[in-house]
Protein backbone atom coordinates (compact mmCIF):
# COMPACT_ATOMS: atom_id res chain seq x y z
CA UNK A 1 15.62 52.52 16.65
CA UNK A 2 13.95 50.91 19.63
CA UNK A 3 10.43 49.59 19.93
CA UNK A 4 7.50 51.56 18.51
CA UNK A 5 3.91 51.09 19.59
CA UNK A 6 1.60 52.24 16.80
CA UNK A 7 -1.88 52.82 18.11
CA UNK A 8 -5.18 52.61 16.25
CA UNK A 9 -6.33 55.78 14.44
CA UNK A 10 -9.97 56.87 14.74
CA UNK A 11 -12.43 58.81 12.62
CA UNK A 12 -15.01 60.97 14.40
CA UNK A 13 -18.29 60.65 12.50
CA UNK A 14 -21.56 62.03 13.81
CA UNK A 15 -20.02 62.41 17.25
CA UNK A 16 -18.98 58.74 17.35
CA UNK A 17 -15.35 57.54 17.39
CA UNK A 18 -14.89 54.77 14.81
CA UNK A 19 -11.67 52.76 14.75
CA UNK A 20 -9.84 52.28 11.48
CA UNK A 21 -8.72 48.73 10.76
CA UNK A 22 -5.11 48.06 9.67
CA UNK A 23 -4.65 46.71 6.16
CA UNK A 24 -1.29 44.92 5.64
CA UNK A 25 0.12 45.76 2.22
CA UNK A 26 1.02 42.14 1.55
CA UNK A 27 -2.53 40.96 2.20
CA UNK A 28 -4.70 43.40 0.26
CA UNK A 29 -2.17 44.60 -2.31
CA UNK A 30 -0.07 41.65 -3.30
CA UNK A 31 2.83 43.19 -5.18
CA UNK A 32 5.47 45.87 -4.71
CA UNK A 33 4.46 47.09 -8.15
CA UNK A 34 1.15 48.34 -6.70
CA UNK A 35 3.05 50.15 -3.94
CA UNK A 36 5.50 51.71 -6.42
CA UNK A 37 2.64 52.95 -8.57
CA UNK A 38 0.89 54.38 -5.51
CA UNK A 39 3.92 56.52 -4.62
CA UNK A 40 4.54 57.41 -8.26
CA UNK A 41 0.96 58.58 -8.83
CA UNK A 42 0.72 60.27 -5.41
CA UNK A 43 4.22 61.54 -4.66
CA UNK A 44 2.79 63.90 -2.01
CA UNK A 45 2.54 60.81 0.22
CA UNK A 46 6.32 61.00 0.66
CA UNK A 47 6.87 63.33 3.67
CA UNK A 48 9.55 65.37 1.92
CA UNK A 49 9.14 68.53 4.04
CA UNK A 50 9.92 66.57 7.20
CA UNK A 51 12.91 64.76 5.66
CA UNK A 52 14.48 67.63 3.65
CA UNK A 53 12.90 71.06 4.27
CA UNK A 54 14.92 72.56 1.42
CA UNK A 55 13.25 70.43 -1.24
CA UNK A 56 10.18 71.54 -3.15
CA UNK A 57 7.18 69.45 -4.16
CA UNK A 58 8.31 66.14 -5.64
CA UNK A 59 7.78 65.42 -9.35
CA UNK A 60 7.91 61.73 -10.41
CA UNK A 61 10.18 61.32 -13.43
CA UNK A 62 10.39 57.57 -13.93
CA UNK A 63 9.83 54.03 -12.65
CA UNK A 64 12.27 51.17 -13.08
CA UNK A 65 15.10 53.46 -14.14
CA UNK A 66 17.79 51.16 -15.53
CA UNK A 67 21.31 51.41 -14.08
CA UNK A 68 24.30 49.10 -14.35
CA UNK A 69 23.61 47.96 -10.77
CA UNK A 70 19.91 47.25 -11.38
CA UNK A 71 16.65 49.18 -11.79
CA UNK A 72 15.77 52.10 -9.51
CA UNK A 73 12.17 51.65 -8.37
CA UNK A 74 11.26 55.35 -8.40
CA UNK A 75 13.15 58.49 -9.32
CA UNK A 76 11.75 61.90 -8.42
CA UNK A 77 12.94 65.51 -8.49
CA UNK A 78 11.85 69.03 -7.66
CA UNK A 79 12.01 72.18 -9.77
CA UNK A 80 15.32 73.18 -8.13
CA UNK A 81 17.06 70.08 -9.49
CA UNK A 82 17.16 67.92 -6.35
CA UNK A 83 16.99 64.18 -7.05
CA UNK A 84 15.24 61.59 -4.87
CA UNK A 85 15.80 57.83 -5.23
CA UNK A 86 13.11 55.59 -3.72
CA UNK A 87 13.27 51.83 -3.19
CA UNK A 88 10.08 50.05 -2.12
CA UNK A 89 10.03 46.81 -0.12
CA UNK A 90 7.21 44.85 1.48
CA UNK A 91 7.85 43.50 4.95
CA UNK A 92 6.90 39.98 3.92
CA UNK A 93 10.12 39.73 1.89
CA UNK A 94 12.87 39.50 4.56
CA UNK A 95 15.72 38.73 2.15
CA UNK A 96 14.93 41.82 0.09
CA UNK A 97 14.67 43.91 3.25
CA UNK A 98 18.15 42.91 4.33
CA UNK A 99 19.58 43.88 0.95
CA UNK A 100 17.62 47.04 0.19
CA UNK A 101 19.97 49.52 1.89
CA UNK A 102 22.95 48.10 0.04
CA UNK A 103 20.96 48.15 -3.19
CA UNK A 104 19.95 51.79 -2.98
CA UNK A 105 23.55 52.78 -2.24
CA UNK A 106 24.74 50.88 -5.32
CA UNK A 107 22.13 52.60 -7.46
CA UNK A 108 23.17 56.00 -6.11
CA UNK A 109 26.85 55.25 -6.75
CA UNK A 110 26.07 54.35 -10.36
CA UNK A 111 23.81 57.40 -10.76
CA UNK A 112 26.71 59.60 -9.64
CA UNK A 113 28.65 58.57 -12.77
CA UNK A 114 25.92 59.87 -15.10
CA UNK A 115 25.74 63.09 -17.04
CA UNK A 116 22.58 65.12 -17.55
CA UNK A 117 22.20 63.51 -20.99
CA UNK A 118 22.55 60.02 -19.47
CA UNK A 119 19.75 60.78 -17.02
CA UNK A 120 17.36 62.12 -19.67
CA UNK A 121 18.00 59.07 -21.85
CA UNK A 122 17.28 56.72 -18.92
CA UNK A 123 14.08 58.59 -18.07
CA UNK A 124 12.84 58.36 -21.66
CA UNK A 125 13.47 54.60 -21.60
CA UNK A 126 11.72 54.07 -18.25
CA UNK A 127 8.08 53.36 -17.50
CA UNK A 128 6.00 56.21 -16.15
CA UNK A 129 6.05 59.92 -16.90
CA UNK A 130 8.58 61.19 -19.42
CA UNK A 131 7.28 64.72 -19.94
CA UNK A 132 5.95 66.25 -23.12
CA UNK A 133 9.33 66.95 -24.71
CA UNK A 134 11.07 63.70 -25.74
CA UNK A 135 14.37 65.57 -26.06
CA UNK A 136 14.40 66.87 -22.49
CA UNK A 137 11.70 65.27 -20.32
CA UNK A 138 13.21 66.70 -17.14
CA UNK A 139 12.73 70.33 -18.19
CA UNK A 140 9.29 69.49 -19.55
CA UNK A 141 8.20 67.94 -16.25
CA UNK A 142 9.69 70.80 -14.24
CA UNK A 143 7.80 73.35 -16.33
CA UNK A 144 4.56 71.43 -15.87
CA UNK A 145 4.84 72.02 -12.10
CA UNK A 146 4.06 75.74 -12.73
CA UNK A 147 6.72 76.96 -10.30
CA UNK A 148 6.97 80.74 -10.89
CA UNK A 149 10.62 80.66 -9.78
CA UNK A 150 11.66 77.94 -12.24
CA UNK A 151 14.76 78.81 -14.22
CA UNK A 152 15.70 76.29 -16.94
CA UNK A 153 19.42 77.08 -17.05
CA UNK A 154 19.81 76.91 -13.27
CA UNK A 155 17.74 73.73 -13.14
CA UNK A 156 19.97 71.92 -15.64
CA UNK A 157 23.07 73.21 -13.87
CA UNK A 158 21.75 72.00 -10.50
CA UNK A 159 20.84 68.51 -11.78
CA UNK A 160 24.27 68.20 -13.41
CA UNK A 161 26.06 69.28 -10.24
CA UNK A 162 24.00 66.95 -8.03
CA UNK A 163 24.85 64.03 -10.31
CA UNK A 164 28.56 64.90 -10.22
CA UNK A 165 28.57 65.14 -6.42
CA UNK A 166 26.40 62.09 -5.82
CA UNK A 167 24.13 64.46 -3.96
CA UNK A 168 20.81 62.64 -3.57
CA UNK A 169 18.07 61.92 -1.08
CA UNK A 170 17.74 58.14 -0.69
CA UNK A 171 14.48 56.75 0.71
CA UNK A 172 13.57 53.17 1.53
CA UNK A 173 9.79 52.89 1.73
CA UNK A 174 7.66 49.97 2.85
CA UNK A 175 4.87 48.67 5.04
CA UNK A 176 7.21 47.72 7.89
CA UNK A 177 10.68 49.00 8.79
CA UNK A 178 12.35 47.15 11.68
CA UNK A 179 15.97 47.09 10.58
CA UNK A 180 18.64 47.74 13.22
CA UNK A 181 20.34 51.13 13.22
CA UNK A 182 23.80 49.61 13.67
CA UNK A 183 23.47 47.54 10.50
CA UNK A 184 22.22 50.55 8.52
CA UNK A 185 25.15 52.69 9.70
CA UNK A 186 27.62 49.99 8.61
CA UNK A 187 26.09 49.88 5.15
CA UNK A 188 26.03 53.66 4.77
CA UNK A 189 29.79 53.79 5.35
CA UNK A 190 30.30 51.88 2.08
CA UNK A 191 29.99 54.94 -0.17
CA UNK A 192 32.09 57.74 1.40
CA UNK A 193 32.33 59.61 -1.92
CA UNK A 194 28.59 60.28 -2.09
CA UNK A 195 26.96 63.31 -0.52
CA UNK A 196 23.51 62.02 0.38
CA UNK A 197 20.77 61.88 2.97
CA UNK A 198 18.97 58.68 3.84
CA UNK A 199 15.56 57.93 5.35
CA UNK A 200 13.39 54.94 6.19
CA UNK A 201 9.69 55.65 5.67
CA UNK A 202 6.93 53.28 6.74
CA UNK A 203 3.42 53.46 5.31
CA UNK A 204 0.53 52.30 7.45
CA UNK A 205 -2.70 51.44 5.63
CA UNK A 206 -6.09 51.43 7.30
CA UNK A 207 -9.69 51.12 6.18
CA UNK A 208 -13.07 52.08 7.57
CA UNK A 209 -15.41 49.11 7.80
CA UNK A 210 -17.90 48.72 4.94
CA UNK A 211 -16.22 51.43 2.79
CA UNK A 212 -13.72 51.16 -0.09
CA UNK A 213 -11.68 54.12 1.19
CA UNK A 214 -8.09 53.57 2.30
CA UNK A 215 -6.41 55.78 4.91
CA UNK A 216 -2.61 56.03 4.41
CA UNK A 217 -0.31 57.21 7.18
CA UNK A 218 3.37 57.84 6.26
CA UNK A 219 5.77 57.55 9.20
CA UNK A 220 9.46 58.47 9.22
CA UNK A 221 11.13 55.64 11.11
CA UNK A 222 14.74 56.85 10.90
CA UNK A 223 16.96 59.22 8.96
CA UNK A 224 20.58 60.25 8.80
CA UNK A 225 21.71 63.04 11.07
CA UNK A 226 24.71 63.79 8.88
CA UNK A 227 26.73 62.19 6.14
CA UNK A 228 30.31 63.47 6.42
CA UNK A 229 32.22 63.88 3.18
CA UNK A 230 35.12 61.58 2.41
CA UNK A 231 38.52 62.66 3.73
CA UNK A 232 41.21 62.59 1.06
CA UNK A 233 44.86 62.53 2.15
CA UNK A 234 47.47 63.55 -0.44
CA UNK A 235 51.07 62.93 0.49
CA UNK A 236 53.48 64.61 -1.93
CA UNK A 237 55.43 63.64 -3.93
CA UNK A 238 52.66 61.56 -5.47
CA UNK A 239 53.41 57.88 -5.88
CA UNK A 240 51.11 54.88 -6.23
CA UNK A 241 49.22 54.52 -2.98
CA UNK A 242 49.87 58.08 -1.81
CA UNK A 243 46.24 59.15 -2.22
CA UNK A 244 44.14 57.65 0.55
CA UNK A 245 40.34 57.96 0.79
CA UNK A 246 39.08 57.35 4.31
CA UNK A 247 35.49 56.47 5.09
CA UNK A 248 33.81 59.16 7.19
CA UNK A 249 33.91 58.19 10.89
CA UNK A 250 30.68 59.75 12.08
CA UNK A 251 27.80 58.67 9.85
CA UNK A 252 24.82 58.64 12.17
CA UNK A 253 21.32 57.29 11.75
CA UNK A 254 18.71 58.30 14.26
CA UNK A 255 15.22 57.12 14.95
CA UNK A 256 12.54 59.64 14.09
CA UNK A 257 10.97 61.43 17.03
CA UNK A 258 8.92 64.49 17.81
CA UNK A 259 11.92 66.19 19.39
CA UNK A 260 14.45 66.07 16.60
CA UNK A 261 15.31 69.75 16.89
CA UNK A 262 16.60 71.99 14.13
CA UNK A 263 18.34 70.19 11.30
CA UNK A 264 20.49 71.50 8.50
CA UNK A 265 19.33 70.45 5.05
CA UNK A 266 21.64 69.63 2.15
CA UNK A 267 20.86 72.93 0.49
CA UNK A 268 21.44 74.98 3.64
CA UNK A 269 24.68 73.19 4.42
CA UNK A 270 26.20 73.79 0.98
CA UNK A 271 25.06 77.42 0.87
CA UNK A 272 26.68 78.40 4.16
CA UNK A 273 29.91 76.60 3.26
CA UNK A 274 30.11 78.59 0.04
CA UNK A 275 29.19 81.87 1.74
CA UNK A 276 31.67 81.33 4.57
CA UNK A 277 34.40 80.76 1.96
CA UNK A 278 33.45 84.12 0.43
CA UNK A 279 33.03 86.04 3.70
CA UNK A 280 32.67 84.40 7.11
CA UNK A 281 31.17 87.57 8.56
CA UNK A 282 28.51 87.64 5.84
CA UNK A 283 27.61 84.03 6.66
CA UNK A 284 27.04 84.95 10.32
CA UNK A 285 24.92 87.99 9.41
CA UNK A 286 22.88 85.93 6.94
CA UNK A 287 22.07 83.33 9.62
CA UNK A 288 20.81 86.12 11.87
CA UNK A 289 18.79 87.74 9.09
CA UNK A 290 17.14 84.49 8.00
CA UNK A 291 16.35 83.67 11.61
CA UNK A 292 14.44 86.94 11.88
CA UNK A 293 12.37 86.33 8.73
CA UNK A 294 9.32 84.72 10.45
CA UNK A 295 8.95 87.81 12.65
CA UNK A 296 8.38 89.80 9.44
CA UNK A 297 5.90 87.32 7.92
CA UNK A 298 8.44 85.92 5.47
CA UNK A 299 9.16 82.26 4.77
CA UNK A 300 12.70 81.11 3.95
CA UNK A 301 12.54 78.75 0.98
CA UNK A 302 15.75 76.78 0.43
CA UNK A 303 16.71 76.05 -3.16
CA UNK A 304 19.86 74.57 -4.65
CA UNK A 305 21.20 78.07 -5.38
CA UNK A 306 20.47 79.53 -1.95
CA UNK A 307 17.66 80.76 0.32
CA UNK A 308 14.78 82.85 -1.01
CA UNK A 309 12.55 85.18 1.03
CA UNK A 310 8.84 84.78 0.26
CA UNK A 311 5.68 86.44 1.50
CA UNK A 312 2.46 84.47 0.87
CA UNK A 313 -1.10 85.80 0.94
CA UNK A 314 -4.46 85.09 -0.66
CA UNK A 315 -5.78 86.96 -3.68
CA UNK A 316 -9.16 86.18 -5.23
CA UNK A 317 -9.28 82.74 -3.63
CA UNK A 318 -5.74 81.69 -4.60
CA UNK A 319 -2.47 81.75 -2.68
CA UNK A 320 0.09 84.07 -4.27
CA UNK A 321 3.73 84.54 -3.26
CA UNK A 322 5.87 87.66 -3.45
CA UNK A 323 9.58 87.03 -3.64
CA UNK A 324 12.10 89.45 -2.10
CA UNK A 325 15.14 87.92 -3.80
CA UNK A 326 17.62 85.12 -3.30
CA UNK A 327 20.89 85.05 -1.35
CA UNK A 328 23.83 83.52 -3.22
CA UNK A 329 27.00 81.86 -1.99
CA UNK A 330 29.11 84.74 -3.34
CA UNK A 331 27.29 87.27 -1.11
CA UNK A 332 25.04 88.85 -3.73
CA UNK A 333 21.28 89.39 -3.96
CA UNK A 334 19.92 87.54 -6.99
CA UNK A 335 16.54 87.84 -8.72
CA UNK A 336 15.84 91.29 -7.33
CA UNK A 337 13.31 91.73 -10.14
CA UNK A 338 10.91 89.09 -8.78
CA UNK A 339 8.95 91.42 -6.50
CA UNK A 340 8.26 94.13 -9.08
CA UNK A 341 7.59 91.59 -11.85
CA UNK A 342 5.03 89.74 -9.72
CA UNK A 343 3.22 92.96 -8.89
CA UNK A 344 3.10 93.80 -12.61
CA UNK A 345 1.65 90.40 -13.51
CA UNK A 346 -1.07 90.88 -10.90
CA UNK A 347 -1.67 94.44 -12.11
CA UNK A 348 -0.86 95.93 -8.71
CA UNK A 349 0.28 99.58 -8.61
CA UNK A 350 3.96 100.47 -8.90
CA UNK A 351 3.66 102.52 -5.74
CA UNK A 352 3.78 99.25 -3.78
CA UNK A 353 7.34 98.41 -4.76
CA UNK A 354 8.98 101.53 -6.24
CA UNK A 355 9.92 103.12 -2.91
CA UNK A 356 11.34 99.76 -1.74
CA UNK A 357 13.79 99.60 -4.64
CA UNK A 358 14.76 103.22 -4.11
CA UNK A 359 15.55 102.37 -0.48
CA UNK A 360 17.75 99.44 -1.51
CA UNK A 361 19.72 101.69 -3.88
CA UNK A 362 20.37 104.08 -0.98
CA UNK A 363 21.47 101.20 1.26
CA UNK A 364 23.80 99.54 -1.30
CA UNK A 365 26.61 101.88 -2.40
CA UNK A 366 27.19 101.87 -6.15
CA UNK A 367 23.93 100.07 -6.98
CA UNK A 368 21.29 101.30 -9.40
CA UNK A 369 17.84 100.40 -10.73
CA UNK A 370 17.31 99.10 -14.24
CA UNK A 371 14.03 98.66 -16.10
CA UNK A 372 12.88 95.54 -17.90
CA UNK A 373 9.75 94.34 -19.65
CA UNK A 374 8.05 90.97 -19.78
CA UNK A 375 6.37 89.66 -22.89
CA UNK A 376 2.57 89.94 -22.78
CA UNK A 377 2.69 91.88 -19.48
CA UNK A 378 1.87 95.57 -19.41
CA UNK A 379 4.20 97.93 -17.57
CA UNK A 380 7.86 97.58 -16.69
CA UNK A 381 9.56 95.90 -13.77
CA UNK A 382 12.86 96.90 -12.16
CA UNK A 383 15.91 95.10 -10.85
CA UNK A 384 19.11 96.11 -9.10
CA UNK A 385 22.65 95.90 -10.43
CA UNK A 386 26.08 97.15 -9.41
CA UNK A 387 28.45 99.34 -11.42
CA UNK A 388 29.59 96.30 -13.42
CA UNK A 389 26.00 95.35 -14.32
CA UNK A 390 26.23 92.34 -11.99
CA UNK A 391 23.95 91.32 -9.12
CA UNK A 392 24.39 93.72 -6.17
CA UNK A 393 26.36 92.97 -3.02
CA UNK A 394 24.01 91.90 -0.22
CA UNK A 395 26.45 92.70 2.63
CA UNK A 396 25.52 96.40 2.94
CA UNK A 397 21.89 95.32 3.41
CA UNK A 398 22.85 92.77 6.06
CA UNK A 399 24.88 95.36 7.95
CA UNK A 400 21.83 97.67 7.89
CA UNK A 401 19.26 94.93 8.34
CA UNK A 402 16.96 97.04 10.56
CA UNK A 403 16.49 99.48 7.68
CA UNK A 404 16.05 96.59 5.24
CA UNK A 405 13.43 94.97 7.47
CA UNK A 406 11.57 98.26 7.76
CA UNK A 407 11.47 98.58 3.96
CA UNK A 408 10.20 95.00 3.61
CA UNK A 409 7.54 95.53 6.30
CA UNK A 410 6.30 98.64 4.49
CA UNK A 411 6.01 96.75 1.18
CA UNK A 412 3.97 94.01 2.88
CA UNK A 413 1.66 96.60 4.44
CA UNK A 414 1.09 98.23 1.05
CA UNK A 415 0.47 94.83 -0.52
CA UNK A 416 -2.11 93.94 2.11
CA UNK A 417 -3.98 97.21 1.64
CA UNK A 418 -4.01 96.87 -2.15
CA UNK A 419 -5.20 93.25 -2.01
CA UNK A 420 -7.85 94.04 0.58
CA UNK A 421 -9.15 96.86 -1.63
CA UNK A 422 -9.35 94.50 -4.62
CA UNK A 423 -11.31 91.82 -2.74
């Protein structure tokens, strides 16, 4: 990881630069329990967007989660079913620091043997938040996040699948991270069957003289570039010893820097593997289409089921998002109803979205519009389906992406005019 020189931060007050003074965690805050509670109560301190862009806002689900290998300090999730394991260590405890990477891997390996029911039971038994529903605290906590795209069935399915695959984000957090990269790489090779990402995050604490305020600066020290899946050799006919699991040869940990370049997240990686297995050409076209999204004022939001296209704007002082659907690994367009349903909830005119859906029907052979109604919402929304009443094939849209982009641009223009007229 090399040497890092961390300089003093300043606050500009009344035109005067005032230096902030460093506050070592082990001097002012004596226990790791204080640090755990800090991250549990303020999970936004964890720089999740920089570590895994595909993850949503983190929701703490439990502290001291009991496993057969020992207690997990912090367990968090997002509304898409991603799981984050956090171990906290103060720099003043060198023995613990040397063991923490091995510990978090052991916890993850044990977690990968759990079912969804096992996880909910452990969360209920842990300290910290357990949600309002004692039968399913995970769903309760996910609902409390008020994510308009939350889908309970998909959430449970995603959590279950991530547990089965050992697909977690592992974070070691502390006030000082000076472990050698070589040693970390050696330890990470110990669990080739897990499909995880790993990061070291350091938290600098500072204070302004004569004030009780604390300034906290999270810093990503290092993270994995890629964790290659285990290679399984099967040599028929099967006899004892004929199945060989090899540790992946190219686990790589890199120091964090400002020039890390583009990085594939867990969600993105799995999506394109699934899509390429369905249709390699569709995978290539989807990469191109998603790459063009920022030019059309859309944000690509990665979820466990695939990428979603979102347009965000402000309405009556609040940020609102309009969703143009989700790509799936089997080359279909899911949740096509989201755009029309959101307009209905906001009482925006049907003229904003109706022509858009009519255009999609023309672009996708064999597709059609269907009406639906939401409880306690006036007016109907529409969605697209194919001749078998399934989600429509997205490939015709990708092959005619210029026409699709034009239709999206026109919807956004109509949205902006309607919102401007309301405000």
